[in-house]
Amino acid sequence: MVRLDIPGFGQRDIEHLVLDFNGTLAEDGRLVDGVAERLRALSRALRVTVITADTFGRAREELAGLPVTLQVLAGTDQARAKRALVEELGAMSTACIGNGRNDRLMLAAAGLGIAVVQKEGAASEAIAAAAVLARDIREALDLLAEPRRLTATLRD
């Protein structure tokens, strides 16, 4: 668990981390350097789920051996499916990281939503829905590893 107690933002006991894959954990279907190590470290405190449409078809291969649960979405209504997962896990105890338009609902629903802007860019709706915007996935994951950074960013 990662405890956040941020004046003006509130207290959150984060137990789950839900991540998008392409554009967030991966670029062009390949895991970003440094992400695997961070996921291993965070999995000691959080239950990590990757939920993706798997545009490049490489998520299973790229995440093999990592302590994460993978859910591959099919068809339409992916934004609602991602939000439903967050609600099922318990929205206030879930942190989400994403960049795409189909991440906007989960970012808004989560106790902590973090949008990332990398080579793929980020949908304006995802950025608007997030509580925090990070320059890349490594920095976003590091916010959870060192939550005092979030206090500095989110306090009133």
Protein backbone atom coordinates (compact mmCIF):
# COMPACT_ATOMS: atom_id res chain seq x y z
CA MET A 1 0.00 0.00 0.00
CA VAL A 2 1.09 3.56 -0.71
CA ARG A 3 -0.42 6.11 1.66
CA LEU A 4 -1.11 9.60 0.44
CA ASP A 5 -2.15 12.28 2.91
CA ILE A 6 -2.19 15.50 0.96
CA PRO A 7 -3.69 18.73 2.34
CA GLY A 8 -6.58 19.79 0.13
CA PHE A 9 -6.43 16.57 -1.92
CA GLY A 10 -7.19 14.13 0.88
CA GLN A 11 -6.01 10.81 2.19
CA ARG A 12 -5.73 7.81 -0.11
CA ASP A 13 -4.53 4.34 0.74
CA ILE A 14 -3.49 3.19 -2.72
CA GLU A 15 -3.57 -0.60 -3.07
CA HIS A 16 -3.92 -1.00 -6.84
CA LEU A 17 -2.07 0.42 -9.82
CA VAL A 18 -3.82 0.22 -13.20
CA LEU A 19 -1.75 1.01 -16.27
CA ASP A 20 -2.34 1.41 -19.96
CA PHE A 21 0.26 -0.31 -22.17
CA ASN A 22 0.85 1.39 -25.54
CA GLY A 23 1.90 5.00 -25.21
CA THR A 24 2.20 4.57 -21.44
CA LEU A 25 4.36 1.56 -20.50
CA ALA A 26 5.46 0.93 -24.08
CA GLU A 27 6.44 2.79 -27.20
CA ASP A 28 5.56 1.06 -30.47
CA GLY A 29 4.69 -2.07 -28.49
CA ARG A 30 8.05 -2.29 -26.68
CA LEU A 31 8.39 -1.74 -22.93
CA VAL A 32 10.17 1.54 -22.16
CA ASP A 33 13.66 1.08 -20.65
CA GLY A 34 13.59 1.17 -16.86
CA VAL A 35 9.91 0.27 -16.54
CA ALA A 36 10.36 -3.42 -15.68
CA GLU A 37 12.53 -2.64 -12.67
CA ARG A 38 10.08 -0.04 -11.41
CA LEU A 39 7.12 -2.40 -11.81
CA ARG A 40 8.94 -5.09 -9.84
CA ALA A 41 9.66 -2.63 -7.03
CA LEU A 42 6.14 -1.19 -6.93
CA SER A 43 4.56 -4.65 -6.98
CA ARG A 44 5.87 -5.15 -3.44
CA ALA A 45 3.42 -2.48 -2.26
CA LEU A 46 0.71 -2.47 -4.96
CA ARG A 47 -1.28 -4.94 -7.03
CA VAL A 48 -0.45 -4.01 -10.61
CA THR A 49 -2.83 -4.50 -13.54
CA VAL A 50 -2.15 -3.60 -17.16
CA ILE A 51 -5.31 -3.09 -19.22
CA THR A 52 -4.86 -2.51 -22.91
CA ALA A 53 -6.27 -2.81 -26.40
CA ASP A 54 -2.75 -4.06 -27.30
CA THR A 55 -2.51 -2.18 -30.58
CA PHE A 56 0.84 -3.75 -31.50
CA GLY A 57 0.02 -7.24 -30.15
CA ARG A 58 3.12 -7.41 -27.94
CA ALA A 59 1.83 -6.76 -24.42
CA ARG A 60 1.88 -10.39 -23.25
CA GLU A 61 5.41 -10.93 -24.56
CA GLU A 62 6.76 -7.64 -23.20
CA LEU A 63 5.24 -8.17 -19.73
CA ALA A 64 6.22 -11.84 -19.42
CA GLY A 65 7.85 -12.57 -16.07
CA LEU A 66 6.73 -9.32 -14.47
CA PRO A 67 4.48 -9.33 -11.39
CA VAL A 68 1.47 -7.85 -13.20
CA THR A 69 -1.97 -9.00 -14.27
CA LEU A 70 -2.70 -8.36 -17.94
CA GLN A 71 -6.18 -7.71 -19.35
CA VAL A 72 -6.45 -7.32 -23.13
CA LEU A 73 -9.58 -5.52 -24.29
CA ALA A 74 -11.38 -6.31 -27.50
CA GLY A 75 -13.75 -4.25 -29.58
CA THR A 76 -15.33 -0.97 -28.66
CA ASP A 77 -16.15 0.83 -25.42
CA GLN A 78 -12.65 0.42 -24.05
CA ALA A 79 -12.87 3.62 -22.01
CA ARG A 80 -15.86 2.26 -20.10
CA ALA A 81 -14.19 -1.13 -19.61
CA LYS A 82 -11.13 0.54 -18.10
CA ARG A 83 -13.28 2.64 -15.76
CA ALA A 84 -15.27 -0.46 -14.77
CA LEU A 85 -12.05 -2.20 -13.71
CA VAL A 86 -11.06 0.78 -11.54
CA GLU A 87 -14.50 0.83 -9.93
CA GLU A 88 -14.37 -2.94 -9.35
CA LEU A 89 -10.99 -2.63 -7.61
CA GLY A 90 -12.16 0.32 -5.54
CA ALA A 91 -11.64 3.68 -7.22
CA MET A 92 -10.33 5.58 -4.20
CA SER A 93 -7.69 2.90 -3.51
CA THR A 94 -6.53 2.81 -7.13
CA ALA A 95 -3.92 4.86 -8.97
CA CYS A 96 -4.04 4.90 -12.79
CA ILE A 97 -1.52 5.92 -15.40
CA GLY A 98 -2.43 6.44 -19.04
CA ASN A 99 -2.14 8.70 -22.04
CA GLY A 100 -4.93 7.86 -24.46
CA ARG A 101 -8.45 9.06 -24.97
CA ASN A 102 -9.63 5.62 -23.87
CA ASP A 103 -7.86 6.21 -20.53
CA ARG A 104 -9.78 9.37 -19.65
CA LEU A 105 -12.60 7.70 -17.69
CA MET A 106 -10.29 5.55 -15.56
CA LEU A 107 -8.03 8.56 -14.86
CA ALA A 108 -11.02 10.60 -13.72
CA ALA A 109 -12.49 7.79 -11.59
CA ALA A 110 -9.26 6.81 -9.82
CA GLY A 111 -8.17 8.02 -6.42
CA LEU A 112 -5.07 9.21 -8.24
CA GLY A 113 -4.90 9.65 -12.02
CA ILE A 114 -1.59 10.36 -13.72
CA ALA A 115 -1.33 11.17 -17.43
CA VAL A 116 1.96 10.76 -19.28
CA VAL A 117 3.19 12.45 -22.43
CA GLN A 118 5.75 10.45 -24.38
CA LYS A 119 6.51 9.81 -28.04
CA GLU A 120 2.91 8.84 -28.78
CA GLY A 121 1.66 12.05 -27.22
CA ALA A 122 -1.36 12.27 -24.96
CA ALA A 123 -5.03 12.93 -25.61
CA SER A 124 -6.21 16.24 -24.24
CA GLU A 125 -9.12 14.43 -22.56
CA ALA A 126 -6.67 12.19 -20.66
CA ILE A 127 -4.63 15.17 -19.54
CA ALA A 128 -7.76 17.02 -18.36
CA ALA A 129 -9.00 13.96 -16.43
CA ALA A 130 -5.74 13.34 -14.57
CA ALA A 131 -4.73 14.89 -11.26
CA VAL A 132 -1.06 14.93 -12.35
CA LEU A 133 0.77 15.16 -15.66
CA ALA A 134 4.19 13.48 -15.92
CA ARG A 135 6.79 13.78 -18.67
CA ASP A 136 7.23 10.03 -18.98
CA ILE A 137 6.31 6.69 -17.44
CA ARG A 138 9.48 6.39 -15.36
CA GLU A 139 8.75 9.71 -13.67
CA ALA A 140 5.11 8.73 -13.16
CA LEU A 141 6.06 5.42 -11.51
CA ASP A 142 8.66 7.21 -9.39
CA LEU A 143 5.90 9.45 -8.00
CA LEU A 144 4.36 6.35 -6.42
CA ALA A 145 7.73 5.17 -5.14
CA GLU A 146 8.32 8.58 -3.53
CA PRO A 147 4.84 9.89 -2.68
CA ARG A 148 6.13 13.09 -1.05
CA ARG A 149 6.60 14.33 -4.61
CA LEU A 150 2.84 14.01 -5.04
CA THR A 151 2.30 16.03 -1.88
CA ALA A 152 4.39 18.84 -3.32
CA THR A 153 2.36 18.74 -6.54
CA LEU A 154 -1.19 18.24 -5.25
CA ARG A 155 -1.44 20.07 -1.93
CA ASP A 156 -3.78 23.02 -1.67
